[in-house]
Amino acid sequence: MGFHSCQSTTTMPLIRPKLLIETARIGARLYQRERDLAGAIPGSNFALSASARRQIVARLHEAERRCEALRRERSPAYRHARNVQVLAALIAEADQAASHEVIGLAGQTKASGSDALRLAM
């Protein structure tokens, strides 16, 4: 099984299986906030302000960490689909947050999502 290393704001890079990352990147291209955010973060209802975007990314990051912990523990509670859903939302939202912070306008989402993932992690 191949792994992808994602640079992080922490001292250690995050390692995820290559198939998980590639699947999440596809999901990020198809991501629609109105439809998908509530599934990734149940009960979420956020405005589009910059602080709300950062809060969304932070909550998605925490949800992804929980998924990763379950995956590494080989827990029966782990669900691949849930991990992909959260990681795809994280990539898409981080890319949107980065676009808004850099140019202050709604930018086009990068197809690969790799830059957004590096920023989010």
C-alpha atoms as a PDB file:
ATOM      1  CA  MET A   1       0.000   0.000   0.000  1.00  0.00           C
ATOM      2  CA  GLY A   2       1.370   3.401  -0.940  1.00  0.00           C
ATOM      3  CA  PHE A   3       1.339   6.376   1.380  1.00  0.00           C
ATOM      4  CA  HIS A   4       1.316  10.116   0.758  1.00  0.00           C
ATOM      5  CA  SER A   5       3.069  12.514   3.059  1.00  0.00           C
ATOM      6  CA  CYS A   6       1.374  15.849   3.646  1.00  0.00           C
ATOM      7  CA  GLN A   7       3.329  18.753   5.071  1.00  0.00           C
ATOM      8  CA  SER A   8       1.781  20.063   8.219  1.00  0.00           C
ATOM      9  CA  THR A   9       1.909  23.096  10.435  1.00  0.00           C
ATOM     10  CA  THR A  10       3.220  20.686  13.067  1.00  0.00           C
ATOM     11  CA  THR A  11       6.763  19.365  13.089  1.00  0.00           C
ATOM     12  CA  MET A  12       5.793  15.935  11.737  1.00  0.00           C
ATOM     13  CA  PRO A  13       4.236  15.373   8.311  1.00  0.00           C
ATOM     14  CA  LEU A  14       0.887  13.592   8.207  1.00  0.00           C
ATOM     15  CA  ILE A  15       0.921  10.242   6.468  1.00  0.00           C
ATOM     16  CA  ARG A  16      -2.228   8.922   4.799  1.00  0.00           C
ATOM     17  CA  PRO A  17      -2.723   5.990   2.423  1.00  0.00           C
ATOM     18  CA  LYS A  18      -2.358   7.048  -1.207  1.00  0.00           C
ATOM     19  CA  LEU A  19      -5.770   5.653  -2.148  1.00  0.00           C
ATOM     20  CA  LEU A  20      -7.436   7.639   0.660  1.00  0.00           C
ATOM     21  CA  ILE A  21      -5.820  10.893  -0.477  1.00  0.00           C
ATOM     22  CA  GLU A  22      -6.591  10.318  -4.158  1.00  0.00           C
ATOM     23  CA  THR A  23     -10.222   9.451  -3.404  1.00  0.00           C
ATOM     24  CA  ALA A  24     -10.586  12.520  -1.183  1.00  0.00           C
ATOM     25  CA  ARG A  25      -9.152  14.746  -3.926  1.00  0.00           C
ATOM     26  CA  ILE A  26     -11.835  13.492  -6.305  1.00  0.00           C
ATOM     27  CA  GLY A  27     -14.453  14.119  -3.626  1.00  0.00           C
ATOM     28  CA  ALA A  28     -13.107  17.638  -3.082  1.00  0.00           C
ATOM     29  CA  ARG A  29     -13.646  18.453  -6.765  1.00  0.00           C
ATOM     30  CA  LEU A  30     -17.281  17.369  -6.413  1.00  0.00           C
ATOM     31  CA  TYR A  31     -17.789  19.051  -3.016  1.00  0.00           C
ATOM     32  CA  GLN A  32     -20.738  21.405  -2.554  1.00  0.00           C
ATOM     33  CA  ARG A  33     -20.902  23.073   0.853  1.00  0.00           C
ATOM     34  CA  GLU A  34     -24.697  23.265   1.028  1.00  0.00           C
ATOM     35  CA  ARG A  35     -25.016  19.544   0.356  1.00  0.00           C
ATOM     36  CA  ASP A  36     -21.886  18.042   1.900  1.00  0.00           C
ATOM     37  CA  LEU A  37     -20.805  20.057   4.942  1.00  0.00           C
ATOM     38  CA  ALA A  38     -23.657  18.857   7.154  1.00  0.00           C
ATOM     39  CA  GLY A  39     -22.613  15.256   6.455  1.00  0.00           C
ATOM     40  CA  ALA A  40     -18.987  15.944   7.303  1.00  0.00           C
ATOM     41  CA  ILE A  41     -19.781  17.987  10.435  1.00  0.00           C
ATOM     42  CA  PRO A  42     -23.266  17.078  11.676  1.00  0.00           C
ATOM     43  CA  GLY A  43     -25.214  20.064  12.957  1.00  0.00           C
ATOM     44  CA  SER A  44     -23.004  22.619  11.239  1.00  0.00           C
ATOM     45  CA  ASN A  45     -24.561  25.840  10.036  1.00  0.00           C
ATOM     46  CA  PHE A  46     -21.834  28.351   9.316  1.00  0.00           C
ATOM     47  CA  ALA A  47     -21.847  31.714   7.590  1.00  0.00           C
ATOM     48  CA  LEU A  48     -19.227  32.526   4.972  1.00  0.00           C
ATOM     49  CA  SER A  49     -17.109  34.917   7.041  1.00  0.00           C
ATOM     50  CA  ALA A  50     -13.352  34.386   7.235  1.00  0.00           C
ATOM     51  CA  SER A  51     -13.531  33.372  10.897  1.00  0.00           C
ATOM     52  CA  ALA A  52     -16.314  30.889  10.126  1.00  0.00           C
ATOM     53  CA  ARG A  53     -14.197  29.373   7.348  1.00  0.00           C
ATOM     54  CA  ARG A  54     -11.292  28.918   9.755  1.00  0.00           C
ATOM     55  CA  GLN A  55     -13.668  27.360  12.293  1.00  0.00           C
ATOM     56  CA  ILE A  56     -15.007  24.964   9.665  1.00  0.00           C
ATOM     57  CA  VAL A  57     -11.473  23.927   8.698  1.00  0.00           C
ATOM     58  CA  ALA A  58     -10.543  23.447  12.358  1.00  0.00           C
ATOM     59  CA  ARG A  59     -13.606  21.268  13.015  1.00  0.00           C
ATOM     60  CA  LEU A  60     -12.996  19.232   9.861  1.00  0.00           C
ATOM     61  CA  HIS A  61      -9.358  18.814  10.853  1.00  0.00           C
ATOM     62  CA  GLU A  62     -10.421  17.458  14.251  1.00  0.00           C
ATOM     63  CA  ALA A  63     -12.976  15.120  12.653  1.00  0.00           C
ATOM     64  CA  GLU A  64     -10.282  13.822  10.291  1.00  0.00           C
ATOM     65  CA  ARG A  65      -7.916  13.222  13.209  1.00  0.00           C
ATOM     66  CA  ARG A  66     -10.611  11.112  14.890  1.00  0.00           C
ATOM     67  CA  CYS A  67     -11.105   9.130  11.670  1.00  0.00           C
ATOM     68  CA  GLU A  68      -7.347   8.626  11.385  1.00  0.00           C
ATOM     69  CA  ALA A  69      -7.104   7.430  14.977  1.00  0.00           C
ATOM     70  CA  LEU A  70      -9.846   4.867  14.350  1.00  0.00           C
ATOM     71  CA  ARG A  71      -8.131   3.752  11.133  1.00  0.00           C
ATOM     72  CA  ARG A  72      -4.774   3.288  12.820  1.00  0.00           C
ATOM     73  CA  GLU A  73      -6.388   1.375  15.700  1.00  0.00           C
ATOM     74  CA  ARG A  74      -8.137  -0.863  13.157  1.00  0.00           C
ATOM     75  CA  SER A  75     -11.306  -0.112  15.065  1.00  0.00           C
ATOM     76  CA  PRO A  76     -14.539  -1.761  13.907  1.00  0.00           C
ATOM     77  CA  ALA A  77     -16.081   1.725  14.207  1.00  0.00           C
ATOM     78  CA  TYR A  78     -13.848   3.023  11.386  1.00  0.00           C
ATOM     79  CA  ARG A  79     -15.647   3.750   8.109  1.00  0.00           C
ATOM     80  CA  HIS A  80     -13.696   4.430   4.921  1.00  0.00           C
ATOM     81  CA  ALA A  81     -16.556   6.425   3.437  1.00  0.00           C
ATOM     82  CA  ARG A  82     -16.688   8.703   6.480  1.00  0.00           C
ATOM     83  CA  ASN A  83     -12.945   9.320   6.341  1.00  0.00           C
ATOM     84  CA  VAL A  84     -13.115  10.167   2.621  1.00  0.00           C
ATOM     85  CA  GLN A  85     -16.127  12.445   3.205  1.00  0.00           C
ATOM     86  CA  VAL A  86     -14.375  14.392   5.957  1.00  0.00           C
ATOM     87  CA  LEU A  87     -11.030  14.567   4.152  1.00  0.00           C
ATOM     88  CA  ALA A  88     -12.689  15.734   0.901  1.00  0.00           C
ATOM     89  CA  ALA A  89     -14.563  18.454   2.792  1.00  0.00           C
ATOM     90  CA  LEU A  90     -11.336  19.442   4.550  1.00  0.00           C
ATOM     91  CA  ILE A  91      -9.454  19.785   1.258  1.00  0.00           C
ATOM     92  CA  ALA A  92     -12.267  21.781  -0.369  1.00  0.00           C
ATOM     93  CA  GLU A  93     -12.888  24.065   2.607  1.00  0.00           C
ATOM     94  CA  ALA A  94      -9.175  24.679   3.218  1.00  0.00           C
ATOM     95  CA  ASP A  95      -8.745  25.572  -0.438  1.00  0.00           C
ATOM     96  CA  GLN A  96     -11.684  27.982  -0.239  1.00  0.00           C
ATOM     97  CA  ALA A  97     -10.344  29.507   2.988  1.00  0.00           C
ATOM     98  CA  ALA A  98      -6.888  29.933   1.453  1.00  0.00           C
ATOM     99  CA  SER A  99      -8.381  31.520  -1.685  1.00  0.00           C
ATOM    100  CA  HIS A 100     -10.385  33.991   0.345  1.00  0.00           C
ATOM    101  CA  GLU A 101      -7.461  34.925   2.576  1.00  0.00           C
ATOM    102  CA  VAL A 102      -5.023  35.384  -0.305  1.00  0.00           C
ATOM    103  CA  ILE A 103      -7.203  37.299  -2.769  1.00  0.00           C
ATOM    104  CA  GLY A 104     -10.198  38.243  -0.661  1.00  0.00           C
ATOM    105  CA  LEU A 105     -12.604  36.900  -3.280  1.00  0.00           C
ATOM    106  CA  ALA A 106     -14.182  33.572  -4.164  1.00  0.00           C
ATOM    107  CA  GLY A 107     -11.458  31.772  -6.062  1.00  0.00           C
ATOM    108  CA  GLN A 108     -11.490  28.736  -8.246  1.00  0.00           C
ATOM    109  CA  THR A 109     -10.843  25.476  -6.417  1.00  0.00           C
ATOM    110  CA  LYS A 110      -7.613  23.799  -7.469  1.00  0.00           C
ATOM    111  CA  ALA A 111      -8.419  20.414  -8.937  1.00  0.00           C
ATOM    112  CA  SER A 112      -5.794  18.428  -7.031  1.00  0.00           C
ATOM    113  CA  GLY A 113      -6.497  19.929  -3.630  1.00  0.00           C
ATOM    114  CA  SER A 114      -2.915  19.226  -2.568  1.00  0.00           C
ATOM    115  CA  ASP A 115      -2.093  22.824  -1.618  1.00  0.00           C
ATOM    116  CA  ALA A 116      -5.252  23.075   0.464  1.00  0.00           C
ATOM    117  CA  LEU A 117      -4.475  19.808   2.182  1.00  0.00           C
ATOM    118  CA  ARG A 118      -0.987  20.988   3.084  1.00  0.00           C
ATOM    119  CA  LEU A 119      -2.449  24.197   4.539  1.00  0.00           C
ATOM    120  CA  ALA A 120      -5.148  22.366   6.456  1.00  0.00           C
ATOM    121  CA  MET A 121      -2.840  19.791   7.944  1.00  0.00           C
END
